[in-house]
Amino acid sequence: MADGQVYEEDGPNFQLEYLSDLPGGTYSRRIAIFGLAERKDLFEAWCFVYNAKRTYAFSKVVSLEELATGKRYSGEEMRTAMGGEQ
């Protein structure tokens, strides 16, 4: 991801598991993280399912798996790593 743009060859760098609006439901997406949103409890990422930039809440992240390393993060761990607010 150069200069805030996603290029096709960049591809996703995380597998996101996220709480859905349905009780007890989750969904998975492959994403490329841009960084924090204006609100520091949110982050922005390119969603490869919708081919669009989306905003996600750290509090709804079940897990983020880094595709290159297999390392898993909770939403709280990723918020801390990115310097977001609680």
C-alpha atoms as a PDB file:
ATOM      1  CA  MET A   1       0.000   0.000   0.000  1.00  0.00           C
ATOM      2  CA  ALA A   2       1.832   3.028  -1.184  1.00  0.00           C
ATOM      3  CA  ASP A   3       0.647   6.574  -0.498  1.00  0.00           C
ATOM      4  CA  GLY A   4      -2.686   5.471   1.000  1.00  0.00           C
ATOM      5  CA  GLN A   5      -3.809   3.683  -2.146  1.00  0.00           C
ATOM      6  CA  VAL A   6      -4.413  -0.021  -2.545  1.00  0.00           C
ATOM      7  CA  TYR A   7      -2.941  -1.582  -5.622  1.00  0.00           C
ATOM      8  CA  GLU A   8      -4.053  -4.963  -6.890  1.00  0.00           C
ATOM      9  CA  GLU A   9      -0.614  -6.502  -6.353  1.00  0.00           C
ATOM     10  CA  ASP A  10      -0.627  -5.421  -2.690  1.00  0.00           C
ATOM     11  CA  GLY A  11      -3.474  -7.768  -1.852  1.00  0.00           C
ATOM     12  CA  PRO A  12      -4.919  -8.284   1.625  1.00  0.00           C
ATOM     13  CA  ASN A  13      -2.619  -8.362   4.649  1.00  0.00           C
ATOM     14  CA  PHE A  14      -5.121  -9.460   7.318  1.00  0.00           C
ATOM     15  CA  GLN A  15      -7.987 -11.892   7.740  1.00  0.00           C
ATOM     16  CA  LEU A  16     -10.603 -10.104   9.837  1.00  0.00           C
ATOM     17  CA  GLU A  17     -13.233 -11.887  11.922  1.00  0.00           C
ATOM     18  CA  TYR A  18     -15.818  -9.302  12.954  1.00  0.00           C
ATOM     19  CA  LEU A  19     -19.033  -9.284  14.980  1.00  0.00           C
ATOM     20  CA  SER A  20     -22.083  -8.849  12.785  1.00  0.00           C
ATOM     21  CA  ASP A  21     -25.248  -6.979  13.686  1.00  0.00           C
ATOM     22  CA  LEU A  22     -27.056 -10.303  14.127  1.00  0.00           C
ATOM     23  CA  PRO A  23     -26.915 -11.669  17.697  1.00  0.00           C
ATOM     24  CA  GLY A  24     -23.998 -14.071  18.046  1.00  0.00           C
ATOM     25  CA  GLY A  25     -23.019 -13.758  14.391  1.00  0.00           C
ATOM     26  CA  THR A  26     -19.612 -13.061  12.894  1.00  0.00           C
ATOM     27  CA  TYR A  27     -18.222 -12.684   9.409  1.00  0.00           C
ATOM     28  CA  SER A  28     -14.764 -12.880   7.855  1.00  0.00           C
ATOM     29  CA  ARG A  29     -13.128 -10.554   5.352  1.00  0.00           C
ATOM     30  CA  ARG A  30      -9.677 -10.225   3.842  1.00  0.00           C
ATOM     31  CA  ILE A  31      -8.560  -6.652   4.319  1.00  0.00           C
ATOM     32  CA  ALA A  32      -5.608  -4.296   3.900  1.00  0.00           C
ATOM     33  CA  ILE A  33      -5.365  -1.899   6.839  1.00  0.00           C
ATOM     34  CA  PHE A  34      -4.808   1.808   6.094  1.00  0.00           C
ATOM     35  CA  GLY A  35      -4.632   3.066   9.676  1.00  0.00           C
ATOM     36  CA  LEU A  36      -6.711   4.828  12.290  1.00  0.00           C
ATOM     37  CA  ALA A  37      -9.888   6.648  11.291  1.00  0.00           C
ATOM     38  CA  GLU A  38     -10.678  10.173  12.521  1.00  0.00           C
ATOM     39  CA  ARG A  39     -12.166   8.589  15.647  1.00  0.00           C
ATOM     40  CA  LYS A  40      -9.366   6.694  17.353  1.00  0.00           C
ATOM     41  CA  ASP A  41     -11.665   3.794  18.308  1.00  0.00           C
ATOM     42  CA  LEU A  42     -12.034   2.979  14.588  1.00  0.00           C
ATOM     43  CA  PHE A  43      -9.669   1.889  11.826  1.00  0.00           C
ATOM     44  CA  GLU A  44      -9.913   2.064   8.044  1.00  0.00           C
ATOM     45  CA  ALA A  45      -9.170  -0.802   5.709  1.00  0.00           C
ATOM     46  CA  TRP A  46      -9.682  -1.848   2.128  1.00  0.00           C
ATOM     47  CA  CYS A  47     -12.236  -4.677   1.997  1.00  0.00           C
ATOM     48  CA  PHE A  48     -11.527  -7.025  -0.896  1.00  0.00           C
ATOM     49  CA  VAL A  49     -15.080  -8.458  -0.827  1.00  0.00           C
ATOM     50  CA  TYR A  50     -16.641  -5.066  -1.596  1.00  0.00           C
ATOM     51  CA  ASN A  51     -13.611  -3.527  -3.340  1.00  0.00           C
ATOM     52  CA  ALA A  52     -14.079  -0.461  -1.156  1.00  0.00           C
ATOM     53  CA  LYS A  53     -12.623   1.325   1.839  1.00  0.00           C
ATOM     54  CA  ARG A  54     -14.494   0.440   5.036  1.00  0.00           C
ATOM     55  CA  THR A  55     -14.346   1.603   8.639  1.00  0.00           C
ATOM     56  CA  TYR A  56     -14.293  -0.969  11.435  1.00  0.00           C
ATOM     57  CA  ALA A  57     -14.629  -0.635  15.223  1.00  0.00           C
ATOM     58  CA  PHE A  58     -11.845  -2.202  17.285  1.00  0.00           C
ATOM     59  CA  SER A  59     -14.497  -3.232  19.837  1.00  0.00           C
ATOM     60  CA  LYS A  60     -16.224  -5.489  17.267  1.00  0.00           C
ATOM     61  CA  VAL A  61     -13.067  -7.281  16.118  1.00  0.00           C
ATOM     62  CA  VAL A  62     -13.072 -10.931  17.163  1.00  0.00           C
ATOM     63  CA  SER A  63      -9.611 -11.462  15.666  1.00  0.00           C
ATOM     64  CA  LEU A  64      -7.216 -10.150  13.057  1.00  0.00           C
ATOM     65  CA  GLU A  65      -4.791 -12.680  11.596  1.00  0.00           C
ATOM     66  CA  GLU A  66      -1.740 -11.312   9.813  1.00  0.00           C
ATOM     67  CA  LEU A  67      -1.594 -13.355   6.618  1.00  0.00           C
ATOM     68  CA  ALA A  68       2.203 -13.174   6.206  1.00  0.00           C
ATOM     69  CA  THR A  69       3.019 -14.456   9.695  1.00  0.00           C
ATOM     70  CA  GLY A  70      -0.139 -16.120  11.026  1.00  0.00           C
ATOM     71  CA  LYS A  71       0.017 -13.916  14.126  1.00  0.00           C
ATOM     72  CA  ARG A  72      -3.394 -13.190  15.657  1.00  0.00           C
ATOM     73  CA  TYR A  73      -4.495  -9.990  17.357  1.00  0.00           C
ATOM     74  CA  SER A  74      -7.616  -9.109  19.287  1.00  0.00           C
ATOM     75  CA  GLY A  75      -9.259  -5.769  18.565  1.00  0.00           C
ATOM     76  CA  GLU A  76      -7.772  -4.369  21.760  1.00  0.00           C
ATOM     77  CA  GLU A  77      -4.266  -5.596  20.901  1.00  0.00           C
ATOM     78  CA  MET A  78      -4.493  -4.042  17.440  1.00  0.00           C
ATOM     79  CA  ARG A  79      -5.831  -0.767  18.849  1.00  0.00           C
ATOM     80  CA  THR A  80      -2.838  -0.591  21.212  1.00  0.00           C
ATOM     81  CA  ALA A  81      -0.387  -1.467  18.427  1.00  0.00           C
ATOM     82  CA  MET A  82      -1.853   1.260  16.197  1.00  0.00           C
ATOM     83  CA  GLY A  83      -1.923   3.877  18.966  1.00  0.00           C
ATOM     84  CA  GLY A  84      -5.706   4.192  19.153  1.00  0.00           C
ATOM     85  CA  GLU A  85      -7.766   5.382  22.115  1.00  0.00           C
ATOM     86  CA  GLN A  86      -9.848   3.283  24.445  1.00  0.00           C
END
